[in-house]
């Protein structure tokens, strides 16, 4: 059976409706997917997209780390990607702990 332009259009639209989140946190993926279908997107994890790499997050800010992850995955997968990085930035501590939030209190 020949592929028609209508079939290609369907495949193209389907591919555009999937976003890869630069995370392997299944709970986070689930929570985001509760919101995104309302605007026409399905979110999948980087693992589901075929990447199990450990991305080095060596940025100086939460935003920089999110950009590092998003750029890495976009280059590797050539797909639409989004990312986030979470941490605490306390004004009384001059923005600390920031990127080291997970390690701030010790092991």
C-alpha atoms as a PDB file:
ATOM      1  CA  UNK A   1       0.000   0.000   0.000  1.00  0.00           C
ATOM      2  CA  UNK A   2       1.369   3.405  -0.989  1.00  0.00           C
ATOM      3  CA  UNK A   3       1.789   6.160   1.560  1.00  0.00           C
ATOM      4  CA  UNK A   4      -0.363   9.160   0.737  1.00  0.00           C
ATOM      5  CA  UNK A   5       0.181  12.797   1.635  1.00  0.00           C
ATOM      6  CA  UNK A   6      -2.727  12.407   4.068  1.00  0.00           C
ATOM      7  CA  UNK A   7      -0.838   9.595   5.858  1.00  0.00           C
ATOM      8  CA  UNK A   8       2.320  11.712   6.026  1.00  0.00           C
ATOM      9  CA  UNK A   9       0.294  14.611   7.433  1.00  0.00           C
ATOM     10  CA  UNK A  10      -1.113  12.343  10.165  1.00  0.00           C
ATOM     11  CA  UNK A  11       2.362  11.044  11.053  1.00  0.00           C
ATOM     12  CA  UNK A  12       3.818  14.540  11.092  1.00  0.00           C
ATOM     13  CA  UNK A  13       1.072  15.838  13.348  1.00  0.00           C
ATOM     14  CA  UNK A  14       1.397  12.811  15.625  1.00  0.00           C
ATOM     15  CA  UNK A  15       5.154  13.355  15.959  1.00  0.00           C
ATOM     16  CA  UNK A  16       4.646  17.030  16.817  1.00  0.00           C
ATOM     17  CA  UNK A  17       2.211  16.166  19.593  1.00  0.00           C
ATOM     18  CA  UNK A  18       4.836  14.254  21.586  1.00  0.00           C
ATOM     19  CA  UNK A  19       7.274  16.112  23.809  1.00  0.00           C
ATOM     20  CA  UNK A  20      10.245  14.535  25.543  1.00  0.00           C
ATOM     21  CA  UNK A  21      10.844  15.652  29.112  1.00  0.00           C
ATOM     22  CA  UNK A  22      14.502  15.598  30.080  1.00  0.00           C
ATOM     23  CA  UNK A  23      13.754  13.411  33.083  1.00  0.00           C
ATOM     24  CA  UNK A  24      13.308   9.785  34.019  1.00  0.00           C
ATOM     25  CA  UNK A  25      11.045  10.643  36.948  1.00  0.00           C
ATOM     26  CA  UNK A  26       7.871   8.700  36.134  1.00  0.00           C
ATOM     27  CA  UNK A  27       5.835  10.584  38.749  1.00  0.00           C
ATOM     28  CA  UNK A  28       6.784  13.898  37.159  1.00  0.00           C
ATOM     29  CA  UNK A  29       5.865  12.553  33.687  1.00  0.00           C
ATOM     30  CA  UNK A  30       2.497  11.358  35.006  1.00  0.00           C
ATOM     31  CA  UNK A  31       1.706  14.711  36.632  1.00  0.00           C
ATOM     32  CA  UNK A  32       2.620  16.652  33.500  1.00  0.00           C
ATOM     33  CA  UNK A  33       0.556  14.324  31.309  1.00  0.00           C
ATOM     34  CA  UNK A  34      -2.506  15.212  33.373  1.00  0.00           C
ATOM     35  CA  UNK A  35      -2.145  18.777  32.067  1.00  0.00           C
ATOM     36  CA  UNK A  36      -0.695  18.490  28.558  1.00  0.00           C
ATOM     37  CA  UNK A  37      -3.444  16.489  26.795  1.00  0.00           C
ATOM     38  CA  UNK A  38      -5.681  19.506  27.260  1.00  0.00           C
ATOM     39  CA  UNK A  39      -3.389  21.399  24.908  1.00  0.00           C
ATOM     40  CA  UNK A  40      -2.742  18.486  22.561  1.00  0.00           C
ATOM     41  CA  UNK A  41       0.552  17.016  23.769  1.00  0.00           C
ATOM     42  CA  UNK A  42       1.714  13.763  25.267  1.00  0.00           C
ATOM     43  CA  UNK A  43       4.879  13.861  27.341  1.00  0.00           C
ATOM     44  CA  UNK A  44       7.294  10.939  27.409  1.00  0.00           C
ATOM     45  CA  UNK A  45      10.441  10.402  29.435  1.00  0.00           C
ATOM     46  CA  UNK A  46      13.886  10.513  27.932  1.00  0.00           C
ATOM     47  CA  UNK A  47      14.089   6.757  28.537  1.00  0.00           C
ATOM     48  CA  UNK A  48      10.885   6.189  26.556  1.00  0.00           C
ATOM     49  CA  UNK A  49      12.434   8.282  23.780  1.00  0.00           C
ATOM     50  CA  UNK A  50      15.471   5.982  23.711  1.00  0.00           C
ATOM     51  CA  UNK A  51      17.982   7.832  25.885  1.00  0.00           C
ATOM     52  CA  UNK A  52      19.234   6.495  29.185  1.00  0.00           C
ATOM     53  CA  UNK A  53      22.333   8.692  29.281  1.00  0.00           C
ATOM     54  CA  UNK A  54      23.392  10.321  32.523  1.00  0.00           C
ATOM     55  CA  UNK A  55      23.472  13.980  31.508  1.00  0.00           C
ATOM     56  CA  UNK A  56      26.064  16.015  33.392  1.00  0.00           C
ATOM     57  CA  UNK A  57      24.384  19.039  34.961  1.00  0.00           C
ATOM     58  CA  UNK A  58      27.302  21.360  35.609  1.00  0.00           C
ATOM     59  CA  UNK A  59      25.579  24.712  35.163  1.00  0.00           C
ATOM     60  CA  UNK A  60      25.816  27.542  37.679  1.00  0.00           C
ATOM     61  CA  UNK A  61      22.041  28.034  37.836  1.00  0.00           C
ATOM     62  CA  UNK A  62      18.889  25.931  37.753  1.00  0.00           C
ATOM     63  CA  UNK A  63      18.053  27.475  34.372  1.00  0.00           C
ATOM     64  CA  UNK A  64      21.495  26.576  33.004  1.00  0.00           C
ATOM     65  CA  UNK A  65      21.091  22.946  34.081  1.00  0.00           C
ATOM     66  CA  UNK A  66      17.659  22.764  32.451  1.00  0.00           C
ATOM     67  CA  UNK A  67      19.117  24.163  29.219  1.00  0.00           C
ATOM     68  CA  UNK A  68      22.012  21.683  29.320  1.00  0.00           C
ATOM     69  CA  UNK A  69      19.574  18.769  29.548  1.00  0.00           C
ATOM     70  CA  UNK A  70      17.231  20.118  26.869  1.00  0.00           C
ATOM     71  CA  UNK A  71      20.019  20.887  24.381  1.00  0.00           C
ATOM     72  CA  UNK A  72      21.687  17.517  24.937  1.00  0.00           C
ATOM     73  CA  UNK A  73      18.476  15.577  24.316  1.00  0.00           C
ATOM     74  CA  UNK A  74      17.416  17.686  21.360  1.00  0.00           C
ATOM     75  CA  UNK A  75      20.786  17.105  19.673  1.00  0.00           C
ATOM     76  CA  UNK A  76      20.766  13.384  20.479  1.00  0.00           C
ATOM     77  CA  UNK A  77      17.140  12.630  19.608  1.00  0.00           C
ATOM     78  CA  UNK A  78      16.274  15.389  17.114  1.00  0.00           C
ATOM     79  CA  UNK A  79      12.884  15.706  18.801  1.00  0.00           C
ATOM     80  CA  UNK A  80      10.954  18.394  20.615  1.00  0.00           C
ATOM     81  CA  UNK A  81      12.233  18.456  24.184  1.00  0.00           C
ATOM     82  CA  UNK A  82      11.632  20.437  27.327  1.00  0.00           C
ATOM     83  CA  UNK A  83      13.337  20.405  30.664  1.00  0.00           C
ATOM     84  CA  UNK A  84      13.269  21.818  34.155  1.00  0.00           C
ATOM     85  CA  UNK A  85      15.546  21.840  37.113  1.00  0.00           C
ATOM     86  CA  UNK A  86      14.208  22.280  40.598  1.00  0.00           C
ATOM     87  CA  UNK A  87      15.875  23.693  43.648  1.00  0.00           C
ATOM     88  CA  UNK A  88      15.503  26.132  46.488  1.00  0.00           C
ATOM     89  CA  UNK A  89      16.743  29.685  46.137  1.00  0.00           C
ATOM     90  CA  UNK A  90      16.483  31.439  49.503  1.00  0.00           C
ATOM     91  CA  UNK A  91      16.807  35.223  49.411  1.00  0.00           C
ATOM     92  CA  UNK A  92      18.217  35.366  52.978  1.00  0.00           C
ATOM     93  CA  UNK A  93      20.963  32.960  51.828  1.00  0.00           C
ATOM     94  CA  UNK A  94      21.801  35.009  48.710  1.00  0.00           C
ATOM     95  CA  UNK A  95      20.059  32.484  46.469  1.00  0.00           C
ATOM     96  CA  UNK A  96      21.574  29.403  48.080  1.00  0.00           C
ATOM     97  CA  UNK A  97      21.368  26.500  47.921  1.00  0.00           C
ATOM     98  CA  UNK A  98      20.278  26.750  44.254  1.00  0.00           C
ATOM     99  CA  UNK A  99      21.835  24.076  42.063  1.00  0.00           C
ATOM    100  CA  UNK A 100      23.161  22.169  45.074  1.00  0.00           C
ATOM    101  CA  UNK A 101      19.773  21.888  46.822  1.00  0.00           C
ATOM    102  CA  UNK A 102      19.833  18.077  46.751  1.00  0.00           C
ATOM    103  CA  UNK A 103      23.265  18.016  48.414  1.00  0.00           C
ATOM    104  CA  UNK A 104      22.868  21.050  50.693  1.00  0.00           C
ATOM    105  CA  UNK A 105      22.041  19.208  53.923  1.00  0.00           C
ATOM    106  CA  UNK A 106      24.628  16.496  53.312  1.00  0.00           C
ATOM    107  CA  UNK A 107      24.381  12.888  52.162  1.00  0.00           C
END
